[in-house]
Amino acid sequence: MDNNGLASYFRFSSVDWNSMGAATWETVWMTLISIIVVAILGALLGLLLFETSGSSSWGARILNWIVAAFVNIFRSIPFIILIVLLLPATQAIMGTIIGPKAALPSLIISAAPFYARLVEIAFHEIDHGVIEAAQSMGATRTQIITKVLLPESMPALVSGITVTSISLIGYTAMAGAIGAGGLGNLAYLDGFQANNNAVTLVATVIIVLIVFICQIVGDVLVKQIDKR
């Protein structure tokens, strides 16, 4: 394809850069809010899975089964289907089923179980001797969690949240296809449906750049935290 053919295929003059900037901010906003909630909720779920695994208490076993079932079920449902399933709950919680705000419940519920498993794995990879040493010195369970589990697993936790953030960016694009706003919505409505390939290309490039930034920031943080 020659330059004239490319120019006709990608009509960059037809890109509304104000709309592109607004869509970019919506994607970043959805990702940031979601990842903050996912980091908290996923860490709690992962901690529950770790603390109740292998326990001799029937109560702990039942709790482990319930949490594991929640994590496995929602981790298995494809995101585009989960959005549809959660529409009634989204309407009840957020008061709307369109726009960036409406995408948050689906984004959080889809990503939190995934991150919970990463948190559980990170805790299990800690040298058990370190935990036993803390217990022998009289540390309480809360102290073990805050002084041993979290600090020792922090590089893996940050790496996990980086991977989860990148997945969430992809989820926001899928959510945009059904009216959640952001770059996915712009690429679908103003790009694909309007046969404007330039909008689709620019939106894709911006999403890729956001992913690269997330990965770089995550890698830098892991290097700063990991003292091994």
C-alpha atoms as a PDB file:
ATOM      1  CA  MET A   1       0.000   0.000   0.000  1.00  0.00           C
ATOM      2  CA  ASP A   2       1.497   3.371  -1.063  1.00  0.00           C
ATOM      3  CA  ASN A   3       1.463   6.579   0.970  1.00  0.00           C
ATOM      4  CA  ASN A   4      -1.754   7.772  -0.682  1.00  0.00           C
ATOM      5  CA  GLY A   5      -3.392   4.448   0.146  1.00  0.00           C
ATOM      6  CA  LEU A   6      -2.288   4.681   3.765  1.00  0.00           C
ATOM      7  CA  ALA A   7      -3.536   8.247   3.976  1.00  0.00           C
ATOM      8  CA  SER A   8      -6.951   7.196   2.720  1.00  0.00           C
ATOM      9  CA  TYR A   9      -7.055   4.183   5.061  1.00  0.00           C
ATOM     10  CA  PHE A  10      -5.933   6.095   8.171  1.00  0.00           C
ATOM     11  CA  ARG A  11      -7.608   9.516   8.033  1.00  0.00           C
ATOM     12  CA  PHE A  12      -5.837  11.081  11.003  1.00  0.00           C
ATOM     13  CA  SER A  13      -7.412  14.442  10.208  1.00  0.00           C
ATOM     14  CA  SER A  14     -10.744  12.900  11.195  1.00  0.00           C
ATOM     15  CA  VAL A  15      -9.575  12.073  14.740  1.00  0.00           C
ATOM     16  CA  ASP A  16     -11.261  14.186  17.401  1.00  0.00           C
ATOM     17  CA  TRP A  17      -8.300  14.701  19.739  1.00  0.00           C
ATOM     18  CA  ASN A  18     -10.436  16.236  22.485  1.00  0.00           C
ATOM     19  CA  SER A  19     -12.603  13.126  22.547  1.00  0.00           C
ATOM     20  CA  MET A  20      -9.451  10.979  22.445  1.00  0.00           C
ATOM     21  CA  GLY A  21      -8.027  12.825  25.449  1.00  0.00           C
ATOM     22  CA  ALA A  22     -11.285  12.477  27.388  1.00  0.00           C
ATOM     23  CA  ALA A  23     -11.470   8.753  26.564  1.00  0.00           C
ATOM     24  CA  THR A  24      -7.857   8.291  27.654  1.00  0.00           C
ATOM     25  CA  TRP A  25      -8.610   9.900  31.009  1.00  0.00           C
ATOM     26  CA  GLU A  26     -11.688   7.679  31.442  1.00  0.00           C
ATOM     27  CA  THR A  27      -9.565   4.578  30.816  1.00  0.00           C
ATOM     28  CA  VAL A  28      -6.892   5.739  33.271  1.00  0.00           C
ATOM     29  CA  TRP A  29      -9.554   6.654  35.860  1.00  0.00           C
ATOM     30  CA  MET A  30     -11.305   3.285  35.588  1.00  0.00           C
ATOM     31  CA  THR A  31      -7.980   1.472  35.891  1.00  0.00           C
ATOM     32  CA  LEU A  32      -6.726   3.481  38.883  1.00  0.00           C
ATOM     33  CA  ILE A  33      -9.931   3.218  40.922  1.00  0.00           C
ATOM     34  CA  SER A  34     -10.296  -0.464  40.126  1.00  0.00           C
ATOM     35  CA  ILE A  35      -6.709  -1.362  40.952  1.00  0.00           C
ATOM     36  CA  ILE A  36      -6.851   0.381  44.332  1.00  0.00           C
ATOM     37  CA  VAL A  37      -9.946  -1.592  45.338  1.00  0.00           C
ATOM     38  CA  VAL A  38      -8.602  -4.799  43.771  1.00  0.00           C
ATOM     39  CA  ALA A  39      -5.316  -4.472  45.672  1.00  0.00           C
ATOM     40  CA  ILE A  40      -7.160  -4.210  48.994  1.00  0.00           C
ATOM     41  CA  LEU A  41      -9.872  -6.791  48.320  1.00  0.00           C
ATOM     42  CA  GLY A  42      -7.508  -9.225  46.601  1.00  0.00           C
ATOM     43  CA  ALA A  43      -4.983  -8.995  49.444  1.00  0.00           C
ATOM     44  CA  LEU A  44      -7.708  -9.739  52.003  1.00  0.00           C
ATOM     45  CA  LEU A  45      -9.034 -12.688  50.017  1.00  0.00           C
ATOM     46  CA  GLY A  46      -5.532 -14.030  49.437  1.00  0.00           C
ATOM     47  CA  LEU A  47      -4.724 -13.679  53.132  1.00  0.00           C
ATOM     48  CA  LEU A  48      -7.916 -15.559  54.050  1.00  0.00           C
ATOM     49  CA  LEU A  49      -7.013 -18.360  51.650  1.00  0.00           C
ATOM     50  CA  PHE A  50      -3.503 -18.580  53.095  1.00  0.00           C
ATOM     51  CA  GLU A  51      -4.538 -18.425  56.748  1.00  0.00           C
ATOM     52  CA  THR A  52      -7.288 -21.021  56.411  1.00  0.00           C
ATOM     53  CA  SER A  53      -5.454 -23.482  54.159  1.00  0.00           C
ATOM     54  CA  GLY A  54      -4.441 -26.696  55.903  1.00  0.00           C
ATOM     55  CA  SER A  55      -6.222 -25.717  59.097  1.00  0.00           C
ATOM     56  CA  SER A  56      -7.604 -28.437  61.381  1.00  0.00           C
ATOM     57  CA  SER A  57     -10.521 -26.207  62.410  1.00  0.00           C
ATOM     58  CA  TRP A  58     -13.832 -26.992  60.719  1.00  0.00           C
ATOM     59  CA  GLY A  59     -14.737 -23.304  60.751  1.00  0.00           C
ATOM     60  CA  ALA A  60     -11.516 -22.398  58.961  1.00  0.00           C
ATOM     61  CA  ARG A  61     -12.023 -25.194  56.429  1.00  0.00           C
ATOM     62  CA  ILE A  62     -15.538 -24.026  55.629  1.00  0.00           C
ATOM     63  CA  LEU A  63     -14.335 -20.413  55.273  1.00  0.00           C
ATOM     64  CA  ASN A  64     -11.515 -21.567  53.005  1.00  0.00           C
ATOM     65  CA  TRP A  65     -13.983 -23.494  50.857  1.00  0.00           C
ATOM     66  CA  ILE A  66     -16.334 -20.514  50.556  1.00  0.00           C
ATOM     67  CA  VAL A  67     -13.556 -18.050  49.664  1.00  0.00           C
ATOM     68  CA  ALA A  68     -11.922 -20.511  47.248  1.00  0.00           C
ATOM     69  CA  ALA A  69     -15.280 -21.130  45.556  1.00  0.00           C
ATOM     70  CA  PHE A  70     -15.854 -17.378  45.141  1.00  0.00           C
ATOM     71  CA  VAL A  71     -12.357 -16.890  43.740  1.00  0.00           C
ATOM     72  CA  ASN A  72     -12.538 -19.849  41.363  1.00  0.00           C
ATOM     73  CA  ILE A  73     -16.015 -19.037  40.064  1.00  0.00           C
ATOM     74  CA  PHE A  74     -15.461 -15.362  39.310  1.00  0.00           C
ATOM     75  CA  ARG A  75     -11.937 -15.997  38.011  1.00  0.00           C
ATOM     76  CA  SER A  76     -13.394 -18.442  35.477  1.00  0.00           C
ATOM     77  CA  ILE A  77     -16.194 -16.307  34.031  1.00  0.00           C
ATOM     78  CA  PRO A  78     -15.157 -14.456  30.831  1.00  0.00           C
ATOM     79  CA  PHE A  79     -15.199 -10.731  31.467  1.00  0.00           C
ATOM     80  CA  ILE A  80     -17.650  -9.813  28.707  1.00  0.00           C
ATOM     81  CA  ILE A  81     -20.152 -12.341  30.145  1.00  0.00           C
ATOM     82  CA  LEU A  82     -19.546 -11.129  33.702  1.00  0.00           C
ATOM     83  CA  ILE A  83     -20.477  -7.585  32.692  1.00  0.00           C
ATOM     84  CA  VAL A  84     -23.849  -8.786  31.417  1.00  0.00           C
ATOM     85  CA  LEU A  85     -24.475 -10.960  34.481  1.00  0.00           C
ATOM     86  CA  LEU A  86     -23.743  -8.051  36.814  1.00  0.00           C
ATOM     87  CA  LEU A  87     -25.943  -5.500  35.036  1.00  0.00           C
ATOM     88  CA  PRO A  88     -28.744  -5.696  37.650  1.00  0.00           C
ATOM     89  CA  ALA A  89     -26.258  -5.377  40.516  1.00  0.00           C
ATOM     90  CA  THR A  90     -24.466  -2.553  38.713  1.00  0.00           C
ATOM     91  CA  GLN A  91     -27.742  -0.679  38.265  1.00  0.00           C
ATOM     92  CA  ALA A  92     -28.573  -1.133  41.953  1.00  0.00           C
ATOM     93  CA  ILE A  93     -25.125  -0.128  43.237  1.00  0.00           C
ATOM     94  CA  MET A  94     -24.044   2.577  40.801  1.00  0.00           C
ATOM     95  CA  GLY A  95     -27.451   3.816  39.593  1.00  0.00           C
ATOM     96  CA  THR A  96     -26.497   3.342  35.937  1.00  0.00           C
ATOM     97  CA  ILE A  97     -25.280   0.670  33.531  1.00  0.00           C
ATOM     98  CA  ILE A  98     -23.397   2.965  31.147  1.00  0.00           C
ATOM     99  CA  GLY A  99     -20.323   5.138  31.576  1.00  0.00           C
ATOM    100  CA  PRO A 100     -16.983   4.597  33.355  1.00  0.00           C
ATOM    101  CA  LYS A 101     -18.573   4.446  36.814  1.00  0.00           C
ATOM    102  CA  ALA A 102     -20.793   1.550  35.737  1.00  0.00           C
ATOM    103  CA  ALA A 103     -17.758  -0.511  34.706  1.00  0.00           C
ATOM    104  CA  LEU A 104     -16.199  -0.499  38.186  1.00  0.00           C
ATOM    105  CA  PRO A 105     -18.155  -3.393  39.786  1.00  0.00           C
ATOM    106  CA  SER A 106     -17.375  -5.735  36.887  1.00  0.00           C
ATOM    107  CA  LEU A 107     -13.730  -4.684  36.745  1.00  0.00           C
ATOM    108  CA  ILE A 108     -13.252  -5.174  40.484  1.00  0.00           C
ATOM    109  CA  ILE A 109     -15.115  -8.492  40.760  1.00  0.00           C
ATOM    110  CA  SER A 110     -13.265  -9.926  37.767  1.00  0.00           C
ATOM    111  CA  ALA A 111      -9.760  -8.858  38.843  1.00  0.00           C
ATOM    112  CA  ALA A 112      -9.881  -9.275  42.641  1.00  0.00           C
ATOM    113  CA  PRO A 113     -10.106 -13.108  42.557  1.00  0.00           C
ATOM    114  CA  PHE A 114      -7.221 -13.252  40.089  1.00  0.00           C
ATOM    115  CA  TYR A 115      -5.052 -11.095  42.328  1.00  0.00           C
ATOM    116  CA  ALA A 116      -6.169 -13.063  45.412  1.00  0.00           C
ATOM    117  CA  ARG A 117      -4.596 -16.203  43.975  1.00  0.00           C
ATOM    118  CA  LEU A 118      -1.370 -14.323  43.270  1.00  0.00           C
ATOM    119  CA  VAL A 119      -1.339 -13.076  46.865  1.00  0.00           C
ATOM    120  CA  GLU A 120      -1.910 -16.572  48.217  1.00  0.00           C
ATOM    121  CA  ILE A 121       0.925 -17.943  46.082  1.00  0.00           C
ATOM    122  CA  ALA A 122       3.232 -15.131  47.245  1.00  0.00           C
ATOM    123  CA  PHE A 123       2.522 -15.955  50.906  1.00  0.00           C
ATOM    124  CA  HIS A 124       3.099 -19.686  50.377  1.00  0.00           C
ATOM    125  CA  GLU A 125       6.490 -18.974  48.798  1.00  0.00           C
ATOM    126  CA  ILE A 126       7.798 -17.347  51.986  1.00  0.00           C
ATOM    127  CA  ASP A 127      10.329 -19.493  53.847  1.00  0.00           C
ATOM    128  CA  HIS A 128       8.319 -21.169  56.607  1.00  0.00           C
ATOM    129  CA  GLY A 129      11.367 -20.967  58.867  1.00  0.00           C
ATOM    130  CA  VAL A 130      11.006 -17.191  58.972  1.00  0.00           C
ATOM    131  CA  ILE A 131       7.413 -17.524  60.188  1.00  0.00           C
ATOM    132  CA  GLU A 132       8.385 -20.142  62.774  1.00  0.00           C
ATOM    133  CA  ALA A 133      11.178 -17.889  64.048  1.00  0.00           C
ATOM    134  CA  ALA A 134       8.695 -15.051  64.540  1.00  0.00           C
ATOM    135  CA  GLN A 135       6.314 -17.394  66.356  1.00  0.00           C
ATOM    136  CA  SER A 136       9.103 -18.632  68.644  1.00  0.00           C
ATOM    137  CA  MET A 137       9.800 -15.032  69.652  1.00  0.00           C
ATOM    138  CA  GLY A 138       6.201 -14.612  70.766  1.00  0.00           C
ATOM    139  CA  ALA A 139       4.864 -12.654  67.788  1.00  0.00           C
ATOM    140  CA  THR A 140       1.088 -12.523  67.510  1.00  0.00           C
ATOM    141  CA  ARG A 141      -0.684 -13.533  64.315  1.00  0.00           C
ATOM    142  CA  THR A 142      -1.292  -9.889  63.475  1.00  0.00           C
ATOM    143  CA  GLN A 143       2.392  -9.119  63.958  1.00  0.00           C
ATOM    144  CA  ILE A 144       3.374 -12.069  61.773  1.00  0.00           C
ATOM    145  CA  ILE A 145       1.104 -10.787  59.014  1.00  0.00           C
ATOM    146  CA  THR A 146       2.292  -7.172  59.207  1.00  0.00           C
ATOM    147  CA  LYS A 147       5.963  -7.790  60.068  1.00  0.00           C
ATOM    148  CA  VAL A 148       6.704 -11.008  58.176  1.00  0.00           C
ATOM    149  CA  LEU A 149       4.164 -12.001  55.533  1.00  0.00           C
ATOM    150  CA  LEU A 150       3.606  -8.618  53.906  1.00  0.00           C
ATOM    151  CA  PRO A 151       7.239  -7.367  53.937  1.00  0.00           C
ATOM    152  CA  GLU A 152       8.690 -10.692  52.770  1.00  0.00           C
ATOM    153  CA  SER A 153       6.191 -11.075  49.935  1.00  0.00           C
ATOM    154  CA  MET A 154       6.066  -7.423  48.878  1.00  0.00           C
ATOM    155  CA  PRO A 155       8.088  -7.824  45.631  1.00  0.00           C
ATOM    156  CA  ALA A 156       5.752 -10.620  44.511  1.00  0.00           C
ATOM    157  CA  LEU A 157       2.693  -8.608  45.564  1.00  0.00           C
ATOM    158  CA  VAL A 158       3.812  -5.579  43.549  1.00  0.00           C
ATOM    159  CA  SER A 159       4.637  -7.776  40.568  1.00  0.00           C
ATOM    160  CA  GLY A 160       1.197  -9.368  40.873  1.00  0.00           C
ATOM    161  CA  ILE A 161      -0.617  -6.051  41.017  1.00  0.00           C
ATOM    162  CA  THR A 162       1.323  -4.945  37.925  1.00  0.00           C
ATOM    163  CA  VAL A 163       0.113  -7.982  35.988  1.00  0.00           C
ATOM    164  CA  THR A 164      -3.413  -7.402  37.287  1.00  0.00           C
ATOM    165  CA  SER A 165      -3.305  -3.727  36.246  1.00  0.00           C
ATOM    166  CA  ILE A 166      -2.383  -4.705  32.694  1.00  0.00           C
ATOM    167  CA  SER A 167      -5.274  -7.173  32.606  1.00  0.00           C
ATOM    168  CA  LEU A 168      -7.604  -4.454  33.889  1.00  0.00           C
ATOM    169  CA  ILE A 169      -6.585  -2.130  31.061  1.00  0.00           C
ATOM    170  CA  GLY A 170      -7.653  -4.810  28.609  1.00  0.00           C
ATOM    171  CA  TYR A 171     -10.906  -5.277  30.528  1.00  0.00           C
ATOM    172  CA  THR A 172     -11.676  -1.552  30.289  1.00  0.00           C
ATOM    173  CA  ALA A 173     -11.394  -1.800  26.505  1.00  0.00           C
ATOM    174  CA  MET A 174     -13.891  -4.683  26.456  1.00  0.00           C
ATOM    175  CA  ALA A 175     -16.202  -2.822  28.834  1.00  0.00           C
ATOM    176  CA  GLY A 176     -16.070   0.168  26.500  1.00  0.00           C
ATOM    177  CA  ALA A 177     -17.571  -1.921  23.709  1.00  0.00           C
ATOM    178  CA  ILE A 178     -20.873  -2.058  25.627  1.00  0.00           C
ATOM    179  CA  GLY A 179     -20.997   1.575  26.695  1.00  0.00           C
ATOM    180  CA  ALA A 180     -18.599   1.892  29.624  1.00  0.00           C
ATOM    181  CA  GLY A 181     -16.685   4.739  28.023  1.00  0.00           C
ATOM    182  CA  GLY A 182     -12.927   5.003  27.666  1.00  0.00           C
ATOM    183  CA  LEU A 183     -10.721   4.171  24.729  1.00  0.00           C
ATOM    184  CA  GLY A 184     -12.508   0.886  24.032  1.00  0.00           C
ATOM    185  CA  ASN A 185     -15.816   2.673  23.621  1.00  0.00           C
ATOM    186  CA  LEU A 186     -14.250   5.323  21.374  1.00  0.00           C
ATOM    187  CA  ALA A 187     -12.454   2.718  19.243  1.00  0.00           C
ATOM    188  CA  TYR A 188     -15.669   0.738  18.801  1.00  0.00           C
ATOM    189  CA  LEU A 189     -18.171   3.548  18.179  1.00  0.00           C
ATOM    190  CA  ASP A 190     -16.088   6.249  16.492  1.00  0.00           C
ATOM    191  CA  GLY A 191     -13.599   3.827  14.980  1.00  0.00           C
ATOM    192  CA  PHE A 192     -15.056   0.460  14.017  1.00  0.00           C
ATOM    193  CA  GLN A 193     -18.720   1.360  13.558  1.00  0.00           C
ATOM    194  CA  ALA A 194     -17.921   4.652  11.814  1.00  0.00           C
ATOM    195  CA  ASN A 195     -15.327   2.904   9.621  1.00  0.00           C
ATOM    196  CA  ASN A 196     -12.701   5.347  10.871  1.00  0.00           C
ATOM    197  CA  ASN A 197      -9.554   3.247  11.118  1.00  0.00           C
ATOM    198  CA  ALA A 198      -7.449   6.159  12.329  1.00  0.00           C
ATOM    199  CA  VAL A 199      -9.460   6.411  15.576  1.00  0.00           C
ATOM    200  CA  THR A 200      -9.083   2.665  16.176  1.00  0.00           C
ATOM    201  CA  LEU A 201      -5.341   2.817  15.530  1.00  0.00           C
ATOM    202  CA  VAL A 202      -4.730   5.843  17.779  1.00  0.00           C
ATOM    203  CA  ALA A 203      -6.827   4.358  20.598  1.00  0.00           C
ATOM    204  CA  THR A 204      -4.885   1.094  20.316  1.00  0.00           C
ATOM    205  CA  VAL A 205      -1.535   2.864  20.428  1.00  0.00           C
ATOM    206  CA  ILE A 206      -2.566   4.828  23.528  1.00  0.00           C
ATOM    207  CA  ILE A 207      -3.719   1.620  25.273  1.00  0.00           C
ATOM    208  CA  VAL A 208      -0.382  -0.031  24.441  1.00  0.00           C
ATOM    209  CA  LEU A 209       1.485   2.992  25.828  1.00  0.00           C
ATOM    210  CA  ILE A 210      -0.536   2.850  29.070  1.00  0.00           C
ATOM    211  CA  VAL A 211       0.333  -0.845  29.393  1.00  0.00           C
ATOM    212  CA  PHE A 212       4.024  -0.106  28.840  1.00  0.00           C
ATOM    213  CA  ILE A 213       3.952   2.624  31.484  1.00  0.00           C
ATOM    214  CA  CYS A 214       2.285   0.299  34.002  1.00  0.00           C
ATOM    215  CA  GLN A 215       4.859  -2.420  33.337  1.00  0.00           C
ATOM    216  CA  ILE A 216       7.809  -0.028  33.645  1.00  0.00           C
ATOM    217  CA  VAL A 217       6.510   1.485  36.886  1.00  0.00           C
ATOM    218  CA  GLY A 218       5.862  -1.988  38.301  1.00  0.00           C
ATOM    219  CA  ASP A 219       9.337  -3.242  37.347  1.00  0.00           C
ATOM    220  CA  VAL A 220      11.002  -0.199  38.910  1.00  0.00           C
ATOM    221  CA  LEU A 221       9.033  -0.621  42.154  1.00  0.00           C
ATOM    222  CA  VAL A 222       9.898  -4.315  42.360  1.00  0.00           C
ATOM    223  CA  LYS A 223      13.607  -3.529  41.927  1.00  0.00           C
ATOM    224  CA  GLN A 224      13.417  -0.879  44.643  1.00  0.00           C
ATOM    225  CA  ILE A 225      11.600  -3.168  47.077  1.00  0.00           C
ATOM    226  CA  ASP A 226      13.440  -6.432  46.414  1.00  0.00           C
ATOM    227  CA  LYS A 227      16.653  -6.346  48.483  1.00  0.00           C
ATOM    228  CA  ARG A 228      17.657  -9.947  47.815  1.00  0.00           C
END
